[in-house]
Amino acid sequence: QVQLVESGGGLVQAGGSLRLSCVLSGRTFSIYTMGWFRQAPGKEREFVARISTSGGGTNYADSAKGRFTISRDNAKNTVYLEMNSLKPEDTAVYYCAAGTMSVFSSTFRPQQWGQGTQVTVSS
């Protein structure tokens, strides 16, 4: 069973930065596409970013482009999300996910989820 543990969330002022980390255990990290999602109160969980197994390919939601950077260190079984120029609308619980990519589409299919870490951006 894959286990994912996020860390790095907290309270930050608008315009500030945070770096989230997610450590995977229980399976071989390098075979998984990794991603980040977020969910604000009363809203559906939404995609933020994903990164390929090797780290050579990334994809971002429009809301994250130019501000967020996803990266991974396969030797440490860890995926990161660097968030810059944070806005109050970025406030949400951020979830790490491990999954697969379809070879026929760009769709990321999460299979395992972390418990989430709270990010709060104040005005």
C-alpha atoms as a PDB file:
ATOM      1  CA  GLN A   1       0.000   0.000   0.000  1.00  0.00           C
ATOM      2  CA  VAL A   2       1.343   3.380  -1.018  1.00  0.00           C
ATOM      3  CA  GLN A   3       1.523   5.970   1.734  1.00  0.00           C
ATOM      4  CA  LEU A   4       1.947   9.689   1.086  1.00  0.00           C
ATOM      5  CA  VAL A   5       2.733  12.289   3.733  1.00  0.00           C
ATOM      6  CA  GLU A   6       2.631  16.011   2.970  1.00  0.00           C
ATOM      7  CA  SER A   7       4.323  18.781   4.899  1.00  0.00           C
ATOM      8  CA  GLY A   8       5.199  22.448   4.549  1.00  0.00           C
ATOM      9  CA  GLY A   9       1.795  24.070   4.723  1.00  0.00           C
ATOM     10  CA  GLY A  10       1.054  27.044   6.903  1.00  0.00           C
ATOM     11  CA  LEU A  11      -0.006  30.662   7.042  1.00  0.00           C
ATOM     12  CA  VAL A  12       1.589  33.166   4.693  1.00  0.00           C
ATOM     13  CA  GLN A  13       0.814  36.710   3.588  1.00  0.00           C
ATOM     14  CA  ALA A  14      -0.226  37.480   0.039  1.00  0.00           C
ATOM     15  CA  GLY A  15       2.815  37.693  -2.196  1.00  0.00           C
ATOM     16  CA  GLY A  16       4.769  35.264  -0.061  1.00  0.00           C
ATOM     17  CA  SER A  17       6.073  31.784  -0.782  1.00  0.00           C
ATOM     18  CA  LEU A  18       5.769  28.254   0.559  1.00  0.00           C
ATOM     19  CA  ARG A  19       7.396  24.970  -0.363  1.00  0.00           C
ATOM     20  CA  LEU A  20       5.355  21.821   0.090  1.00  0.00           C
ATOM     21  CA  SER A  21       6.913  18.371   0.319  1.00  0.00           C
ATOM     22  CA  CYS A  22       5.424  14.904  -0.077  1.00  0.00           C
ATOM     23  CA  VAL A  23       7.206  11.674   0.797  1.00  0.00           C
ATOM     24  CA  LEU A  24       6.057   8.349  -0.657  1.00  0.00           C
ATOM     25  CA  SER A  25       6.625   4.987   0.987  1.00  0.00           C
ATOM     26  CA  GLY A  26       5.485   1.414   0.431  1.00  0.00           C
ATOM     27  CA  ARG A  27       6.139   1.269  -3.306  1.00  0.00           C
ATOM     28  CA  THR A  28       8.806   2.200  -5.822  1.00  0.00           C
ATOM     29  CA  PHE A  29       8.575   5.975  -6.111  1.00  0.00           C
ATOM     30  CA  SER A  30      10.128   6.296  -9.551  1.00  0.00           C
ATOM     31  CA  ILE A  31       7.329   4.408 -11.337  1.00  0.00           C
ATOM     32  CA  TYR A  32       4.672   6.959 -10.376  1.00  0.00           C
ATOM     33  CA  THR A  33       3.618  10.152 -11.981  1.00  0.00           C
ATOM     34  CA  MET A  34       3.188  12.554  -9.069  1.00  0.00           C
ATOM     35  CA  GLY A  35       0.829  15.454  -8.709  1.00  0.00           C
ATOM     36  CA  TRP A  36      -0.625  18.099  -6.452  1.00  0.00           C
ATOM     37  CA  PHE A  37      -4.288  18.951  -6.027  1.00  0.00           C
ATOM     38  CA  ARG A  38      -6.083  21.370  -3.762  1.00  0.00           C
ATOM     39  CA  GLN A  39      -9.518  21.733  -2.253  1.00  0.00           C
ATOM     40  CA  ALA A  40     -11.039  24.850  -0.759  1.00  0.00           C
ATOM     41  CA  PRO A  41     -14.066  24.697   1.576  1.00  0.00           C
ATOM     42  CA  GLY A  42     -17.261  24.059  -0.360  1.00  0.00           C
ATOM     43  CA  LYS A  43     -15.420  23.422  -3.612  1.00  0.00           C
ATOM     44  CA  GLU A  44     -14.355  20.362  -5.571  1.00  0.00           C
ATOM     45  CA  ARG A  45     -10.805  19.118  -5.470  1.00  0.00           C
ATOM     46  CA  GLU A  46      -8.880  20.613  -8.388  1.00  0.00           C
ATOM     47  CA  PHE A  47      -5.683  19.784 -10.199  1.00  0.00           C
ATOM     48  CA  VAL A  48      -2.672  22.015  -9.580  1.00  0.00           C
ATOM     49  CA  ALA A  49       0.398  20.354 -11.126  1.00  0.00           C
ATOM     50  CA  ARG A  50       1.907  17.036 -12.152  1.00  0.00           C
ATOM     51  CA  ILE A  51       5.363  15.707 -12.947  1.00  0.00           C
ATOM     52  CA  SER A  52       6.492  12.676 -14.938  1.00  0.00           C
ATOM     53  CA  THR A  53       8.292   9.685 -13.473  1.00  0.00           C
ATOM     54  CA  SER A  54      11.700  10.997 -14.512  1.00  0.00           C
ATOM     55  CA  GLY A  55      10.937  14.610 -13.717  1.00  0.00           C
ATOM     56  CA  GLY A  56      11.413  15.589 -17.340  1.00  0.00           C
ATOM     57  CA  GLY A  57       7.827  16.556 -18.005  1.00  0.00           C
ATOM     58  CA  THR A  58       5.572  18.886 -16.045  1.00  0.00           C
ATOM     59  CA  ASN A  59       2.095  20.302 -16.406  1.00  0.00           C
ATOM     60  CA  TYR A  60       0.282  23.034 -14.505  1.00  0.00           C
ATOM     61  CA  ALA A  61      -3.206  24.352 -14.079  1.00  0.00           C
ATOM     62  CA  ASP A  62      -3.679  27.806 -15.566  1.00  0.00           C
ATOM     63  CA  SER A  63      -3.974  29.243 -12.070  1.00  0.00           C
ATOM     64  CA  ALA A  64      -0.522  27.892 -11.184  1.00  0.00           C
ATOM     65  CA  LYS A  65       1.444  28.680 -14.336  1.00  0.00           C
ATOM     66  CA  GLY A  66       4.255  31.135 -13.764  1.00  0.00           C
ATOM     67  CA  ARG A  67       3.889  31.006  -9.976  1.00  0.00           C
ATOM     68  CA  PHE A  68       4.214  27.351  -8.934  1.00  0.00           C
ATOM     69  CA  THR A  69       6.967  24.859  -9.703  1.00  0.00           C
ATOM     70  CA  ILE A  70       6.705  21.099  -9.225  1.00  0.00           C
ATOM     71  CA  SER A  71       9.849  18.996  -8.901  1.00  0.00           C
ATOM     72  CA  ARG A  72      10.897  15.597  -7.614  1.00  0.00           C
ATOM     73  CA  ASP A  73      13.889  13.841  -6.115  1.00  0.00           C
ATOM     74  CA  ASN A  74      13.575  10.133  -6.824  1.00  0.00           C
ATOM     75  CA  ALA A  75      16.504   9.308  -4.541  1.00  0.00           C
ATOM     76  CA  LYS A  76      14.529  10.796  -1.632  1.00  0.00           C
ATOM     77  CA  ASN A  77      11.091   9.528  -2.727  1.00  0.00           C
ATOM     78  CA  THR A  78       9.913  13.111  -2.532  1.00  0.00           C
ATOM     79  CA  VAL A  79       7.908  15.494  -4.692  1.00  0.00           C
ATOM     80  CA  TYR A  80       7.851  19.241  -4.059  1.00  0.00           C
ATOM     81  CA  LEU A  81       5.617  22.157  -4.894  1.00  0.00           C
ATOM     82  CA  GLU A  82       7.240  25.581  -4.741  1.00  0.00           C
ATOM     83  CA  MET A  83       4.560  28.249  -4.540  1.00  0.00           C
ATOM     84  CA  ASN A  84       5.430  31.884  -5.154  1.00  0.00           C
ATOM     85  CA  SER A  85       3.392  35.084  -5.376  1.00  0.00           C
ATOM     86  CA  LEU A  86       0.662  33.476  -3.323  1.00  0.00           C
ATOM     87  CA  LYS A  87      -2.842  34.913  -3.422  1.00  0.00           C
ATOM     88  CA  PRO A  88      -5.747  34.571  -0.984  1.00  0.00           C
ATOM     89  CA  GLU A  89      -7.538  32.419  -3.569  1.00  0.00           C
ATOM     90  CA  ASP A  90      -4.727  29.869  -3.218  1.00  0.00           C
ATOM     91  CA  THR A  91      -6.020  29.084   0.273  1.00  0.00           C
ATOM     92  CA  ALA A  92      -6.928  25.389   0.380  1.00  0.00           C
ATOM     93  CA  VAL A  93      -5.920  21.986   1.623  1.00  0.00           C
ATOM     94  CA  TYR A  94      -3.197  20.731  -0.703  1.00  0.00           C
ATOM     95  CA  TYR A  95      -3.028  17.020  -1.459  1.00  0.00           C
ATOM     96  CA  CYS A  96      -0.212  14.981  -2.904  1.00  0.00           C
ATOM     97  CA  ALA A  97      -1.153  12.174  -5.298  1.00  0.00           C
ATOM     98  CA  ALA A  98       0.607   9.223  -6.902  1.00  0.00           C
ATOM     99  CA  GLY A  99      -0.784   7.770 -10.092  1.00  0.00           C
ATOM    100  CA  THR A 100      -0.393   7.066 -13.767  1.00  0.00           C
ATOM    101  CA  MET A 101      -0.628   8.861 -17.085  1.00  0.00           C
ATOM    102  CA  SER A 102      -2.552   7.499 -20.019  1.00  0.00           C
ATOM    103  CA  VAL A 103      -0.368   6.950 -23.069  1.00  0.00           C
ATOM    104  CA  PHE A 104      -3.330   8.004 -25.212  1.00  0.00           C
ATOM    105  CA  SER A 105      -4.148  11.275 -23.488  1.00  0.00           C
ATOM    106  CA  SER A 106      -2.757  13.879 -21.113  1.00  0.00           C
ATOM    107  CA  THR A 107      -5.043  12.766 -18.290  1.00  0.00           C
ATOM    108  CA  PHE A 108      -3.447  12.129 -14.907  1.00  0.00           C
ATOM    109  CA  ARG A 109      -5.132   9.338 -12.972  1.00  0.00           C
ATOM    110  CA  PRO A 110      -4.467   9.607  -9.224  1.00  0.00           C
ATOM    111  CA  GLN A 111      -4.461   6.274  -7.415  1.00  0.00           C
ATOM    112  CA  GLN A 112      -3.255   7.174  -3.925  1.00  0.00           C
ATOM    113  CA  TRP A 113      -3.686  10.337  -1.871  1.00  0.00           C
ATOM    114  CA  GLY A 114      -1.982  11.933   1.067  1.00  0.00           C
ATOM    115  CA  GLN A 115      -3.899  13.366   4.019  1.00  0.00           C
ATOM    116  CA  GLY A 116      -3.362  16.951   2.933  1.00  0.00           C
ATOM    117  CA  THR A 117      -1.668  20.026   4.319  1.00  0.00           C
ATOM    118  CA  GLN A 118      -3.395  23.349   4.941  1.00  0.00           C
ATOM    119  CA  VAL A 119      -2.214  26.450   3.092  1.00  0.00           C
ATOM    120  CA  THR A 120      -3.717  29.753   4.179  1.00  0.00           C
ATOM    121  CA  VAL A 121      -2.885  33.003   2.404  1.00  0.00           C
ATOM    122  CA  SER A 122      -3.889  36.201   4.163  1.00  0.00           C
ATOM    123  CA  SER A 123      -4.443  39.619   2.611  1.00  0.00           C
END
